[in-house]
């Protein structure tokens, strides 16, 4: 029996989402988002995008800030849009077109993804400690230093990276800022109090974006991954899916604003 292709699986998630989430319910939920909250959420998303661009610039020294912004914006948009994580290829294509050798772009890419993953779990530890009322002043700095040292020294042996520890530490801090600002955009978009449950949902959605079954636009896979933590906390699964859908649409549209502009500029530059 042939294995199901990632594209077929992603299409199944896409169809099932809109089967279980009728359009009228979607529009009713979307109508609850005010223009003011939308503007504030987009401002936080923009700051998150800026922090990520600066992070990539520190790691990928070969490109100017504007070039890094273009490559990052195109990569985020295409990743969000294309199925099975095929959008990741844009990072290597545009980096190569800008004169960055493949080994270096690959090493920096893997390092950046590792930082993103570590940043999410450091922030999860922070929210959990805050909830339990056992937040010690040394907790967050200790985690930052621990994960930085744990990640840096094995990677420092890769000659293609050539990232000093200072730049590594600043880049990791920017990864934290980027994730926290992106989470803040969710909080303001839907007017909810930050909590462990909400961050776990956010974490689930973020982790779903690295799966090869990422659907068209991420529809279905993102909503399911986002809503499962809410179900575990006793919340309605359908309510979690609606909340995830609203935030997911916001992320797609926000990334499209930066991404479509960047794709146009890159197309003109590479002619």
Protein backbone atom coordinates (compact mmCIF):
# COMPACT_ATOMS: atom_id res chain seq x y z
CA UNK A 1 0.00 0.00 0.00
CA UNK A 2 1.43 3.32 -1.05
CA UNK A 3 2.10 5.89 1.60
CA UNK A 4 -0.13 8.94 1.63
CA UNK A 5 1.71 11.94 0.28
CA UNK A 6 2.06 14.99 2.54
CA UNK A 7 0.05 16.94 -0.02
CA UNK A 8 -2.91 14.55 0.21
CA UNK A 9 -2.83 14.61 4.01
CA UNK A 10 -2.64 18.40 4.06
CA UNK A 11 -5.58 18.64 1.66
CA UNK A 12 -7.59 16.34 3.95
CA UNK A 13 -6.94 18.66 6.94
CA UNK A 14 -7.95 21.64 4.79
CA UNK A 15 -11.27 20.08 3.75
CA UNK A 16 -12.11 18.80 7.25
CA UNK A 17 -11.58 22.23 8.82
CA UNK A 18 -14.18 23.91 6.64
CA UNK A 19 -16.50 20.95 6.99
CA UNK A 20 -16.58 21.21 10.80
CA UNK A 21 -16.36 25.01 10.90
CA UNK A 22 -19.32 26.47 8.94
CA UNK A 23 -18.68 29.85 7.21
CA UNK A 24 -21.39 31.64 9.24
CA UNK A 25 -19.66 30.72 12.51
CA UNK A 26 -16.36 31.97 11.12
CA UNK A 27 -17.82 35.36 10.17
CA UNK A 28 -19.59 35.69 13.52
CA UNK A 29 -16.33 35.10 15.36
CA UNK A 30 -14.35 37.41 13.08
CA UNK A 31 -16.85 40.20 13.73
CA UNK A 32 -15.83 40.21 17.41
CA UNK A 33 -12.37 41.55 16.53
CA UNK A 34 -12.36 45.36 16.67
CA UNK A 35 -10.32 47.53 14.31
CA UNK A 36 -8.42 48.95 17.29
CA UNK A 37 -7.41 45.48 18.49
CA UNK A 38 -6.49 44.54 14.94
CA UNK A 39 -4.21 47.57 14.63
CA UNK A 40 -2.51 46.90 17.97
CA UNK A 41 -2.05 43.21 17.12
CA UNK A 42 -0.52 44.12 13.75
CA UNK A 43 1.87 46.56 15.46
CA UNK A 44 3.08 43.76 17.75
CA UNK A 45 3.37 41.41 14.77
CA UNK A 46 5.42 44.03 12.92
CA UNK A 47 7.77 44.39 15.89
CA UNK A 48 8.08 40.60 16.04
CA UNK A 49 8.95 40.55 12.35
CA UNK A 50 11.51 43.31 12.88
CA UNK A 51 13.17 41.42 15.76
CA UNK A 52 13.36 38.30 13.60
CA UNK A 53 14.91 40.25 10.72
CA UNK A 54 17.59 41.73 13.02
CA UNK A 55 18.25 38.22 14.35
CA UNK A 56 18.78 36.83 10.85
CA UNK A 57 20.99 39.82 9.98
CA UNK A 58 23.27 39.09 12.94
CA UNK A 59 23.53 35.43 11.97
CA UNK A 60 23.68 35.97 8.21
CA UNK A 61 26.28 38.72 7.94
CA UNK A 62 26.58 38.41 4.17
CA UNK A 63 23.39 40.41 3.45
CA UNK A 64 22.35 43.98 4.19
CA UNK A 65 19.46 44.62 6.59
CA UNK A 66 17.08 45.32 3.70
CA UNK A 67 18.13 42.18 1.83
CA UNK A 68 17.67 40.15 5.02
CA UNK A 69 14.22 41.68 5.49
CA UNK A 70 13.23 40.72 1.94
CA UNK A 71 14.46 37.11 2.26
CA UNK A 72 12.88 36.67 5.71
CA UNK A 73 9.54 38.19 4.68
CA UNK A 74 9.29 36.10 1.52
CA UNK A 75 10.22 32.96 3.45
CA UNK A 76 7.64 33.52 6.21
CA UNK A 77 4.85 34.27 3.73
CA UNK A 78 5.59 31.32 1.43
CA UNK A 79 5.97 29.02 4.43
CA UNK A 80 2.56 30.05 5.70
CA UNK A 81 0.99 29.66 2.27
CA UNK A 82 2.50 26.57 0.65
CA UNK A 83 1.74 23.00 1.81
CA UNK A 84 4.14 20.45 3.30
CA UNK A 85 6.64 23.16 4.28
CA UNK A 86 7.80 23.56 0.68
CA UNK A 87 8.01 27.30 1.35
CA UNK A 88 11.24 26.67 3.27
CA UNK A 89 13.01 26.25 -0.07
CA UNK A 90 12.57 29.97 -0.69
CA UNK A 91 15.11 30.74 2.07
CA UNK A 92 17.84 28.84 0.23
CA UNK A 93 16.82 30.04 -3.22
CA UNK A 94 16.81 33.75 -2.40
CA UNK A 95 19.88 33.51 -0.15
CA UNK A 96 21.76 31.84 -2.99
CA UNK A 97 20.50 34.46 -5.45
CA UNK A 98 21.85 37.15 -3.11
CA UNK A 99 25.29 35.55 -3.12
CA UNK A 100 25.20 33.46 0.09
CA UNK A 101 26.76 30.03 -0.28
CA UNK A 102 24.39 27.12 0.39
CA UNK A 103 26.37 25.62 3.31
CA UNK A 104 26.25 28.91 5.18
CA UNK A 105 22.56 29.58 4.52
CA UNK A 106 21.76 26.02 5.64
CA UNK A 107 23.79 26.32 8.86
CA UNK A 108 22.26 29.71 9.73
CA UNK A 109 18.77 28.42 8.90
CA UNK A 110 19.11 25.41 11.22
CA UNK A 111 20.57 27.57 13.98
CA UNK A 112 17.70 30.05 13.68
CA UNK A 113 15.08 27.31 13.81
CA UNK A 114 16.76 25.86 16.90
CA UNK A 115 16.69 29.28 18.56
CA UNK A 116 12.98 29.63 17.76
CA UNK A 117 12.24 26.27 19.36
CA UNK A 118 14.29 27.00 22.48
CA UNK A 119 12.74 30.46 22.83
CA UNK A 120 9.23 29.00 22.87
CA UNK A 121 10.07 26.55 25.65
CA UNK A 122 11.89 29.19 27.70
CA UNK A 123 8.78 31.38 27.50
CA UNK A 124 6.59 28.40 28.40
CA UNK A 125 8.75 27.88 31.52
CA UNK A 126 8.32 31.56 32.35
CA UNK A 127 4.51 31.47 32.12
CA UNK A 128 4.31 28.22 34.08
CA UNK A 129 6.51 29.61 36.87
CA UNK A 130 4.41 32.76 36.92
CA UNK A 131 1.22 30.72 37.22
CA UNK A 132 2.62 28.60 40.05
CA UNK A 133 3.78 31.70 41.91
CA UNK A 134 7.32 30.42 42.12
CA UNK A 135 8.96 32.84 39.74
CA UNK A 136 12.46 33.47 41.04
CA UNK A 137 14.39 36.43 39.71
CA UNK A 138 17.20 34.18 38.48
CA UNK A 139 14.94 31.76 36.56
CA UNK A 140 14.79 33.45 33.16
CA UNK A 141 18.45 34.61 33.04
CA UNK A 142 19.53 31.12 34.10
CA UNK A 143 17.50 29.49 31.34
CA UNK A 144 18.83 31.95 28.78
CA UNK A 145 22.44 31.28 29.70
CA UNK A 146 21.92 27.53 30.01
CA UNK A 147 20.25 27.08 26.62
CA UNK A 148 22.69 29.48 24.96
CA UNK A 149 25.73 27.54 26.15
CA UNK A 150 24.03 24.20 25.46
CA UNK A 151 23.28 25.17 21.87
CA UNK A 152 26.29 27.25 20.97
CA UNK A 153 29.35 25.15 21.60
CA UNK A 154 28.41 22.11 19.43
CA UNK A 155 27.47 24.49 16.61
CA UNK A 156 30.55 26.66 17.02
CA UNK A 157 32.61 23.90 15.43
CA UNK A 158 30.82 24.40 12.12
CA UNK A 159 33.10 26.65 10.07
CA UNK A 160 30.24 27.64 7.75
CA UNK A 161 28.44 29.42 10.61
CA UNK A 162 31.16 31.75 11.91
CA UNK A 163 28.88 33.15 14.61
CA UNK A 164 30.57 34.56 17.71
CA UNK A 165 29.08 33.84 21.12
CA UNK A 166 28.06 37.49 21.64
CA UNK A 167 26.11 37.54 18.38
CA UNK A 168 24.65 34.16 19.26
CA UNK A 169 23.44 35.40 22.66
CA UNK A 170 21.91 38.57 21.17
CA UNK A 171 20.28 36.52 18.41
CA UNK A 172 18.75 34.17 20.97
CA UNK A 173 17.43 37.13 22.95
CA UNK A 174 15.87 38.50 19.73
CA UNK A 175 14.26 35.09 19.14
CA UNK A 176 12.69 35.37 22.59
CA UNK A 177 11.49 38.90 21.86
CA UNK A 178 10.07 37.86 18.50
CA UNK A 179 8.09 34.95 19.99
CA UNK A 180 6.84 37.05 22.91
CA UNK A 181 5.76 39.90 20.61
CA UNK A 182 3.97 37.45 18.33
CA UNK A 183 2.18 35.95 21.33
CA UNK A 184 1.25 39.50 22.41
CA UNK A 185 -0.40 40.03 19.04
CA UNK A 186 -2.67 37.05 19.83
CA UNK A 187 -3.47 38.44 23.30
CA UNK A 188 -4.47 41.86 21.95
CA UNK A 189 -6.25 40.54 18.86
CA UNK A 190 -8.78 38.53 20.86
CA UNK A 191 -8.63 40.54 24.13
CA UNK A 192 -7.61 37.62 26.35
CA UNK A 193 -5.48 37.50 29.45
CA UNK A 194 -2.09 35.83 28.90
CA UNK A 195 -2.05 32.41 30.55
CA UNK A 196 -0.29 29.07 30.45
CA UNK A 197 -3.22 27.55 28.54
CA UNK A 198 -3.20 30.33 25.94
CA UNK A 199 0.57 30.12 25.50
CA UNK A 200 0.38 26.32 25.19
CA UNK A 201 -2.17 26.82 22.43
CA UNK A 202 0.12 29.36 20.78
CA UNK A 203 3.02 26.92 21.17
CA UNK A 204 0.99 24.13 19.58
CA UNK A 205 0.18 26.33 16.60
CA UNK A 206 3.82 27.37 16.20
CA UNK A 207 5.05 23.77 16.41
CA UNK A 208 2.52 22.68 13.78
CA UNK A 209 4.26 24.91 11.27
CA UNK A 210 7.32 22.62 11.22
CA UNK A 211 5.30 19.51 10.35
CA UNK A 212 5.57 18.13 6.79
CA UNK A 213 1.78 17.74 6.76
CA UNK A 214 1.35 21.52 6.93
CA UNK A 215 -1.75 22.05 4.80
CA UNK A 216 -2.53 24.67 2.17
CA UNK A 217 -2.18 27.91 4.07
CA UNK A 218 -1.79 25.76 7.21
CA UNK A 219 -5.58 25.50 7.50
CA UNK A 220 -6.60 22.55 9.63
CA UNK A 221 -3.18 21.56 10.96
CA UNK A 222 -2.70 24.92 12.69
CA UNK A 223 -6.21 24.98 14.18
CA UNK A 224 -6.02 21.41 15.46
CA UNK A 225 -2.58 21.90 17.06
CA UNK A 226 -3.71 25.19 18.62
CA UNK A 227 -6.96 23.84 20.06
CA UNK A 228 -5.71 20.56 21.59
CA UNK A 229 -4.13 22.27 24.66
CA UNK A 230 -7.39 24.13 25.24
CA UNK A 231 -9.27 20.83 25.20
CA UNK A 232 -6.79 19.39 27.72
CA UNK A 233 -7.60 22.32 30.02
CA UNK A 234 -11.31 21.54 29.79
CA UNK A 235 -12.23 24.18 27.22
CA UNK A 236 -14.45 23.59 24.20
CA UNK A 237 -12.56 22.12 21.24
CA UNK A 238 -14.78 24.04 18.82
CA UNK A 239 -14.13 27.27 20.71
CA UNK A 240 -10.39 26.63 20.46
CA UNK A 241 -10.66 25.97 16.73
CA UNK A 242 -12.54 29.24 16.19
CA UNK A 243 -9.97 31.18 18.18
CA UNK A 244 -7.15 29.47 16.29
CA UNK A 245 -8.78 30.23 12.95
CA UNK A 246 -9.09 33.95 13.71
CA UNK A 247 -5.45 34.21 14.77
CA UNK A 248 -4.34 32.05 11.86
CA UNK A 249 -6.09 34.30 9.33
CA UNK A 250 -4.49 37.31 11.01
CA UNK A 251 -1.03 35.70 10.69
CA UNK A 252 -1.59 34.87 7.03
CA UNK A 253 -2.74 38.37 6.13
CA UNK A 254 0.01 40.03 8.17
CA UNK A 255 2.72 37.89 6.59
CA UNK A 256 1.21 38.58 3.16
CA UNK A 257 1.60 42.35 3.65
CA UNK A 258 5.35 41.99 4.15
CA UNK A 259 5.76 38.93 1.94
CA UNK A 260 4.07 40.09 -1.25
CA UNK A 261 6.00 43.37 -1.18
CA UNK A 262 9.24 41.46 -0.65
CA UNK A 263 8.51 38.96 -3.43
CA UNK A 264 7.86 41.83 -5.83
CA UNK A 265 11.11 43.59 -4.90
CA UNK A 266 13.09 40.34 -5.09
CA UNK A 267 11.61 39.60 -8.49
CA UNK A 268 12.68 43.03 -9.77
CA UNK A 269 16.15 42.72 -8.24
CA UNK A 270 16.80 39.30 -9.74
CA UNK A 271 15.73 40.18 -13.27
